[in-house]
C-alpha cells in the first residue's frame, strides 16, 4: 500500500525509483522481494522546499519492516 499524504506525484516517482533506493541503502530488499512498501511524509522536517520521506518496506522473508529516510 502506498500513501502519498497529498503528494501522489512525488510518491509515484519515488516508487518508480525503488531500485535506485535499494542501491543507496543496500539493506532494502530487491523489488522482487518487496511484499509491501509505504511512503510516509514527515511534515516536521523540510529544507529548501524538500520533504523528508520515509520508505517502509516489508520483504518476504523475513516479514519485518525496514524504515529508511529519503529527502526529495
PDB file of N, CA and C in Angstrom:
ATOM      1  N   UNK A   1       0.850  -1.194   0.000  1.00  0.00           N
ATOM      2  CA  UNK A   1       0.000   0.000   0.000  1.00  0.00           C
ATOM      3  C   UNK A   1       0.878   1.232   0.000  1.00  0.00           C
ATOM      4  N   UNK A   2       0.541   2.165  -0.855  1.00  0.00           N
ATOM      5  CA  UNK A   2       1.308   3.392  -0.936  1.00  0.00           C
ATOM      6  C   UNK A   2       0.431   4.548  -0.495  1.00  0.00           C
ATOM      7  N   UNK A   3       0.933   5.343   0.426  1.00  0.00           N
ATOM      8  CA  UNK A   3       0.198   6.506   0.899  1.00  0.00           C
ATOM      9  C   UNK A   3       0.997   7.746   0.549  1.00  0.00           C
ATOM     10  N   UNK A   4       0.313   8.729   0.008  1.00  0.00           N
ATOM     11  CA  UNK A   4       1.025   9.891  -0.502  1.00  0.00           C
ATOM     12  C   UNK A   4       0.890  11.132   0.357  1.00  0.00           C
ATOM     13  N   UNK A   5      -0.111  11.185   1.238  1.00  0.00           N
ATOM     14  CA  UNK A   5      -0.334  12.382   2.045  1.00  0.00           C
ATOM     15  C   UNK A   5      -0.435  13.618   1.163  1.00  0.00           C
ATOM     16  N   UNK A   6      -1.119  13.509   0.045  1.00  0.00           N
ATOM     17  CA  UNK A   6      -1.332  14.646  -0.828  1.00  0.00           C
ATOM     18  C   UNK A   6      -0.216  14.912  -1.817  1.00  0.00           C
ATOM     19  N   UNK A   7       0.778  14.046  -1.873  1.00  0.00           N
ATOM     20  CA  UNK A   7       1.896  14.239  -2.801  1.00  0.00           C
ATOM     21  C   UNK A   7       1.984  13.031  -3.734  1.00  0.00           C
ATOM     22  N   UNK A   8       0.870  12.702  -4.368  1.00  0.00           N
ATOM     23  CA  UNK A   8       0.799  11.486  -5.172  1.00  0.00           C
ATOM     24  C   UNK A   8       1.874  11.449  -6.267  1.00  0.00           C
ATOM     25  N   UNK A   9       2.095  12.561  -6.932  1.00  0.00           N
ATOM     26  CA  UNK A   9       3.077  12.572  -7.998  1.00  0.00           C
ATOM     27  C   UNK A   9       4.463  12.251  -7.498  1.00  0.00           C
ATOM     28  N   UNK A  10       4.840  12.867  -6.384  1.00  0.00           N
ATOM     29  CA  UNK A  10       6.164  12.631  -5.823  1.00  0.00           C
ATOM     30  C   UNK A  10       6.310  11.189  -5.377  1.00  0.00           C
ATOM     31  N   UNK A  11       5.262  10.652  -4.763  1.00  0.00           N
ATOM     32  CA  UNK A  11       5.334   9.273  -4.290  1.00  0.00           C
ATOM     33  C   UNK A  11       5.430   8.306  -5.457  1.00  0.00           C
ATOM     34  N   UNK A  12       4.647   8.548  -6.500  1.00  0.00           N
ATOM     35  CA  UNK A  12       4.716   7.681  -7.670  1.00  0.00           C
ATOM     36  C   UNK A  12       6.120   7.689  -8.250  1.00  0.00           C
ATOM     37  N   UNK A  13       6.737   8.844  -8.275  1.00  0.00           N
ATOM     38  CA  UNK A  13       8.099   8.939  -8.771  1.00  0.00           C
ATOM     39  C   UNK A  13       9.055   8.149  -7.883  1.00  0.00           C
ATOM     40  N   UNK A  14       8.875   8.282  -6.572  1.00  0.00           N
ATOM     41  CA  UNK A  14       9.753   7.572  -5.650  1.00  0.00           C
ATOM     42  C   UNK A  14       9.576   6.071  -5.758  1.00  0.00           C
ATOM     43  N   UNK A  15       8.350   5.622  -5.908  1.00  0.00           N
ATOM     44  CA  UNK A  15       8.098   4.197  -6.054  1.00  0.00           C
ATOM     45  C   UNK A  15       8.802   3.673  -7.299  1.00  0.00           C
ATOM     46  N   UNK A  16       8.790   4.470  -8.350  1.00  0.00           N
ATOM     47  CA  UNK A  16       9.483   4.073  -9.562  1.00  0.00           C
ATOM     48  C   UNK A  16      10.985   4.005  -9.390  1.00  0.00           C
ATOM     49  N   UNK A  17      11.499   4.660  -8.350  1.00  0.00           N
ATOM     50  CA  UNK A  17      12.929   4.694  -8.115  1.00  0.00           C
ATOM     51  C   UNK A  17      13.364   3.669  -7.060  1.00  0.00           C
ATOM     52  N   UNK A  18      12.529   2.665  -6.806  1.00  0.00           N
ATOM     53  CA  UNK A  18      12.820   1.717  -5.739  1.00  0.00           C
ATOM     54  C   UNK A  18      14.158   1.014  -5.947  1.00  0.00           C
ATOM     55  N   UNK A  19      14.480   0.669  -7.194  1.00  0.00           N
ATOM     56  CA  UNK A  19      15.752   0.001  -7.460  1.00  0.00           C
ATOM     57  C   UNK A  19      16.919   0.916  -7.111  1.00  0.00           C
ATOM     58  N   UNK A  20      16.795   2.212  -7.437  1.00  0.00           N
ATOM     59  CA  UNK A  20      17.849   3.164  -7.105  1.00  0.00           C
ATOM     60  C   UNK A  20      17.988   3.295  -5.597  1.00  0.00           C
ATOM     61  N   UNK A  21      16.866   3.326  -4.906  1.00  0.00           N
ATOM     62  CA  UNK A  21      16.905   3.424  -3.454  1.00  0.00           C
ATOM     63  C   UNK A  21      17.589   2.207  -2.859  1.00  0.00           C
ATOM     64  N   UNK A  22      17.332   1.043  -3.442  1.00  0.00           N
ATOM     65  CA  UNK A  22      17.980  -0.174  -2.969  1.00  0.00           C
ATOM     66  C   UNK A  22      19.499  -0.045  -3.104  1.00  0.00           C
ATOM     67  N   UNK A  23      19.951   0.575  -4.182  1.00  0.00           N
ATOM     68  CA  UNK A  23      21.386   0.747  -4.373  1.00  0.00           C
ATOM     69  C   UNK A  23      21.959   1.684  -3.313  1.00  0.00           C
ATOM     70  N   UNK A  24      21.195   2.719  -2.937  1.00  0.00           N
ATOM     71  CA  UNK A  24      21.666   3.656  -1.928  1.00  0.00           C
ATOM     72  C   UNK A  24      21.732   2.974  -0.575  1.00  0.00           C
ATOM     73  N   UNK A  25      20.667   2.256  -0.225  1.00  0.00           N
ATOM     74  CA  UNK A  25      20.618   1.533   1.043  1.00  0.00           C
ATOM     75  C   UNK A  25      20.604   0.052   0.721  1.00  0.00           C
ATOM     76  N   UNK A  26      21.744  -0.590   0.821  1.00  0.00           N
ATOM     77  CA  UNK A  26      21.835  -1.988   0.451  1.00  0.00           C
ATOM     78  C   UNK A  26      20.954  -2.905   1.266  1.00  0.00           C
ATOM     79  N   UNK A  27      20.475  -2.427   2.420  1.00  0.00           N
ATOM     80  CA  UNK A  27      19.668  -3.287   3.280  1.00  0.00           C
ATOM     81  C   UNK A  27      18.216  -3.389   2.817  1.00  0.00           C
ATOM     82  N   UNK A  28      17.817  -2.544   1.878  1.00  0.00           N
ATOM     83  CA  UNK A  28      16.445  -2.611   1.388  1.00  0.00           C
ATOM     84  C   UNK A  28      16.346  -3.774   0.400  1.00  0.00           C
ATOM     85  N   UNK A  29      15.319  -4.599   0.505  1.00  0.00           N
ATOM     86  CA  UNK A  29      15.200  -5.770  -0.369  1.00  0.00           C
ATOM     87  C   UNK A  29      15.088  -5.380  -1.833  1.00  0.00           C
ATOM     88  N   UNK A  30      15.412  -6.296  -2.688  1.00  0.00           N
ATOM     89  CA  UNK A  30      15.254  -6.051  -4.116  1.00  0.00           C
ATOM     90  C   UNK A  30      13.766  -5.970  -4.441  1.00  0.00           C
ATOM     91  N   UNK A  31      13.388  -5.293  -5.546  1.00  0.00           N
ATOM     92  CA  UNK A  31      11.971  -5.151  -5.888  1.00  0.00           C
ATOM     93  C   UNK A  31      11.240  -6.486  -5.939  1.00  0.00           C
ATOM     94  N   UNK A  32      11.922  -7.553  -6.343  1.00  0.00           N
ATOM     95  CA  UNK A  32      11.279  -8.857  -6.416  1.00  0.00           C
ATOM     96  C   UNK A  32      10.937  -9.438  -5.058  1.00  0.00           C
ATOM     97  N   UNK A  33      11.557  -8.923  -4.013  1.00  0.00           N
ATOM     98  CA  UNK A  33      11.315  -9.431  -2.670  1.00  0.00           C
ATOM     99  C   UNK A  33      10.342  -8.572  -1.875  1.00  0.00           C
ATOM    100  N   UNK A  34       9.985  -7.433  -2.421  1.00  0.00           N
ATOM    101  CA  UNK A  34       9.142  -6.494  -1.670  1.00  0.00           C
ATOM    102  C   UNK A  34       7.706  -6.996  -1.644  1.00  0.00           C
ATOM    103  N   UNK A  35       7.176  -7.167  -0.436  1.00  0.00           N
ATOM    104  CA  UNK A  35       5.776  -7.534  -0.278  1.00  0.00           C
ATOM    105  C   UNK A  35       4.907  -6.283  -0.172  1.00  0.00           C
ATOM    106  N   UNK A  36       5.346  -5.329   0.628  1.00  0.00           N
ATOM    107  CA  UNK A  36       4.603  -4.091   0.819  1.00  0.00           C
ATOM    108  C   UNK A  36       5.590  -2.951   0.972  1.00  0.00           C
ATOM    109  N   UNK A  37       5.180  -1.773   0.561  1.00  0.00           N
ATOM    110  CA  UNK A  37       6.000  -0.587   0.757  1.00  0.00           C
ATOM    111  C   UNK A  37       5.095   0.599   1.001  1.00  0.00           C
ATOM    112  N   UNK A  38       5.511   1.471   1.865  1.00  0.00           N
ATOM    113  CA  UNK A  38       4.754   2.683   2.148  1.00  0.00           C
ATOM    114  C   UNK A  38       5.709   3.864   2.122  1.00  0.00           C
ATOM    115  N   UNK A  39       5.231   4.958   1.548  1.00  0.00           N
ATOM    116  CA  UNK A  39       5.978   6.209   1.582  1.00  0.00           C
ATOM    117  C   UNK A  39       5.252   7.145   2.535  1.00  0.00           C
ATOM    118  N   UNK A  40       5.920   7.534   3.595  1.00  0.00           N
ATOM    119  CA  UNK A  40       5.306   8.373   4.609  1.00  0.00           C
ATOM    120  C   UNK A  40       6.029   9.709   4.672  1.00  0.00           C
ATOM    121  N   UNK A  41       5.269  10.793   4.551  1.00  0.00           N
ATOM    122  CA  UNK A  41       5.878  12.122   4.589  1.00  0.00           C
ATOM    123  C   UNK A  41       5.983  12.592   6.032  1.00  0.00           C
ATOM    124  N   UNK A  42       7.127  13.123   6.374  1.00  0.00           N
ATOM    125  CA  UNK A  42       7.326  13.709   7.696  1.00  0.00           C
ATOM    126  C   UNK A  42       7.176  15.220   7.563  1.00  0.00           C
ATOM    127  N   UNK A  43       6.049  15.782   7.989  1.00  0.00           N
ATOM    128  CA  UNK A  43       5.815  17.217   7.788  1.00  0.00           C
ATOM    129  C   UNK A  43       6.655  18.098   8.698  1.00  0.00           C
ATOM    130  N   UNK A  44       7.320  17.513   9.675  1.00  0.00           N
ATOM    131  CA  UNK A  44       8.085  18.317  10.624  1.00  0.00           C
ATOM    132  C   UNK A  44       9.484  18.660  10.120  1.00  0.00           C
ATOM    133  N   UNK A  45       9.909  18.014   9.055  1.00  0.00           N
ATOM    134  CA  UNK A  45      11.251  18.260   8.537  1.00  0.00           C
ATOM    135  C   UNK A  45      11.153  18.723   7.092  1.00  0.00           C
ATOM    136  N   UNK A  46      11.571  19.936   6.851  1.00  0.00           N
ATOM    137  CA  UNK A  46      11.598  20.431   5.475  1.00  0.00           C
ATOM    138  C   UNK A  46      12.790  21.370   5.323  1.00  0.00           C
ATOM    139  N   UNK A  47      13.386  21.336   4.158  1.00  0.00           N
ATOM    140  CA  UNK A  47      14.554  22.165   3.903  1.00  0.00           C
ATOM    141  C   UNK A  47      14.548  22.579   2.442  1.00  0.00           C
ATOM    142  N   UNK A  48      14.513  23.842   2.205  1.00  0.00           N
ATOM    143  CA  UNK A  48      14.525  24.380   0.842  1.00  0.00           C
ATOM    144  C   UNK A  48      13.440  23.753  -0.022  1.00  0.00           C
ATOM    145  N   UNK A  49      12.266  23.583   0.560  1.00  0.00           N
ATOM    146  CA  UNK A  49      11.152  23.020  -0.189  1.00  0.00           C
ATOM    147  C   UNK A  49      11.176  21.510  -0.294  1.00  0.00           C
ATOM    148  N   UNK A  50      12.172  20.860   0.305  1.00  0.00           N
ATOM    149  CA  UNK A  50      12.254  19.409   0.241  1.00  0.00           C
ATOM    150  C   UNK A  50      11.644  18.792   1.490  1.00  0.00           C
ATOM    151  N   UNK A  51      11.020  17.674   1.309  1.00  0.00           N
ATOM    152  CA  UNK A  51      10.436  16.954   2.426  1.00  0.00           C
ATOM    153  C   UNK A  51      11.250  15.708   2.701  1.00  0.00           C
ATOM    154  N   UNK A  52      11.246  15.303   3.950  1.00  0.00           N
ATOM    155  CA  UNK A  52      11.850  14.017   4.295  1.00  0.00           C
ATOM    156  C   UNK A  52      10.760  12.957   4.241  1.00  0.00           C
ATOM    157  N   UNK A  53      10.964  11.979   3.389  1.00  0.00           N
ATOM    158  CA  UNK A  53      10.011  10.880   3.258  1.00  0.00           C
ATOM    159  C   UNK A  53      10.629   9.643   3.885  1.00  0.00           C
ATOM    160  N   UNK A  54       9.771   8.806   4.415  1.00  0.00           N
ATOM    161  CA  UNK A  54      10.227   7.525   4.936  1.00  0.00           C
ATOM    162  C   UNK A  54       9.705   6.427   4.034  1.00  0.00           C
ATOM    163  N   UNK A  55      10.589   5.534   3.624  1.00  0.00           N
ATOM    164  CA  UNK A  55      10.128   4.353   2.902  1.00  0.00           C
ATOM    165  C   UNK A  55      10.071   3.212   3.903  1.00  0.00           C
ATOM    166  N   UNK A  56       8.932   2.568   3.947  1.00  0.00           N
ATOM    167  CA  UNK A  56       8.738   1.433   4.850  1.00  0.00           C
ATOM    168  C   UNK A  56       8.508   0.208   3.968  1.00  0.00           C
ATOM    169  N   UNK A  57       9.435  -0.700   4.003  1.00  0.00           N
ATOM    170  CA  UNK A  57       9.414  -1.854   3.107  1.00  0.00           C
ATOM    171  C   UNK A  57       9.338  -3.129   3.932  1.00  0.00           C
ATOM    172  N   UNK A  58       8.449  -4.014   3.544  1.00  0.00           N
ATOM    173  CA  UNK A  58       8.375  -5.321   4.190  1.00  0.00           C
ATOM    174  C   UNK A  58       8.676  -6.384   3.146  1.00  0.00           C
ATOM    175  N   UNK A  59       9.625  -7.239   3.448  1.00  0.00           N
ATOM    176  CA  UNK A  59      10.024  -8.267   2.496  1.00  0.00           C
ATOM    177  C   UNK A  59       9.589  -9.643   2.995  1.00  0.00           C
ATOM    178  N   UNK A  60       9.670 -10.609   2.117  1.00  0.00           N
ATOM    179  CA  UNK A  60       9.311 -11.984   2.468  1.00  0.00           C
ATOM    180  C   UNK A  60      10.340 -12.921   1.882  1.00  0.00           C
ATOM    181  N   UNK A  61      11.075 -13.696   2.695  1.00  0.00           N
ATOM    182  CA  UNK A  61      11.264 -13.457   4.126  1.00  0.00           C
ATOM    183  C   UNK A  61      12.404 -12.473   4.371  1.00  0.00           C
ATOM    184  N   UNK A  62      12.578 -11.927   5.539  1.00  0.00           N
ATOM    185  CA  UNK A  62      11.696 -12.082   6.688  1.00  0.00           C
ATOM    186  C   UNK A  62      10.572 -11.061   6.624  1.00  0.00           C
ATOM    187  N   UNK A  63       9.549 -11.261   7.394  1.00  0.00           N
ATOM    188  CA  UNK A  63       8.411 -10.344   7.378  1.00  0.00           C
ATOM    189  C   UNK A  63       8.640  -9.250   8.413  1.00  0.00           C
ATOM    190  N   UNK A  64       9.559  -8.386   8.110  1.00  0.00           N
ATOM    191  CA  UNK A  64       9.860  -7.290   9.022  1.00  0.00           C
ATOM    192  C   UNK A  64       9.902  -5.997   8.232  1.00  0.00           C
ATOM    193  N   UNK A  65       9.642  -4.888   8.922  1.00  0.00           N
ATOM    194  CA  UNK A  65       9.652  -3.582   8.284  1.00  0.00           C
ATOM    195  C   UNK A  65      11.044  -2.980   8.359  1.00  0.00           C
ATOM    196  N   UNK A  66      11.440  -2.324   7.294  1.00  0.00           N
ATOM    197  CA  UNK A  66      12.668  -1.545   7.261  1.00  0.00           C
ATOM    198  C   UNK A  66      12.276  -0.100   7.003  1.00  0.00           C
ATOM    199  N   UNK A  67      12.693   0.784   7.860  1.00  0.00           N
ATOM    200  CA  UNK A  67      12.398   2.205   7.670  1.00  0.00           C
ATOM    201  C   UNK A  67      13.669   2.931   7.261  1.00  0.00           C
ATOM    202  N   UNK A  68      13.575   3.683   6.217  1.00  0.00           N
ATOM    203  CA  UNK A  68      14.716   4.464   5.751  1.00  0.00           C
ATOM    204  C   UNK A  68      14.221   5.854   5.348  1.00  0.00           C
ATOM    205  N   UNK A  69      15.047   6.853   5.583  1.00  0.00           N
ATOM    206  CA  UNK A  69      14.676   8.213   5.222  1.00  0.00           C
ATOM    207  C   UNK A  69      15.132   8.560   3.823  1.00  0.00           C
ATOM    208  N   UNK A  70      14.377   9.444   3.190  1.00  0.00           N
ATOM    209  CA  UNK A  70      14.739   9.890   1.847  1.00  0.00           C
ATOM    210  C   UNK A  70      14.310  11.335   1.694  1.00  0.00           C
ATOM    211  N   UNK A  71      15.224  12.182   1.284  1.00  0.00           N
ATOM    212  CA  UNK A  71      14.883  13.587   1.033  1.00  0.00           C
ATOM    213  C   UNK A  71      14.593  13.765  -0.448  1.00  0.00           C
ATOM    214  N   UNK A  72      13.463  14.430  -0.729  1.00  0.00           N
ATOM    215  CA  UNK A  72      13.101  14.708  -2.117  1.00  0.00           C
ATOM    216  C   UNK A  72      12.813  16.191  -2.271  1.00  0.00           C
TER     217      UNK A  72
END
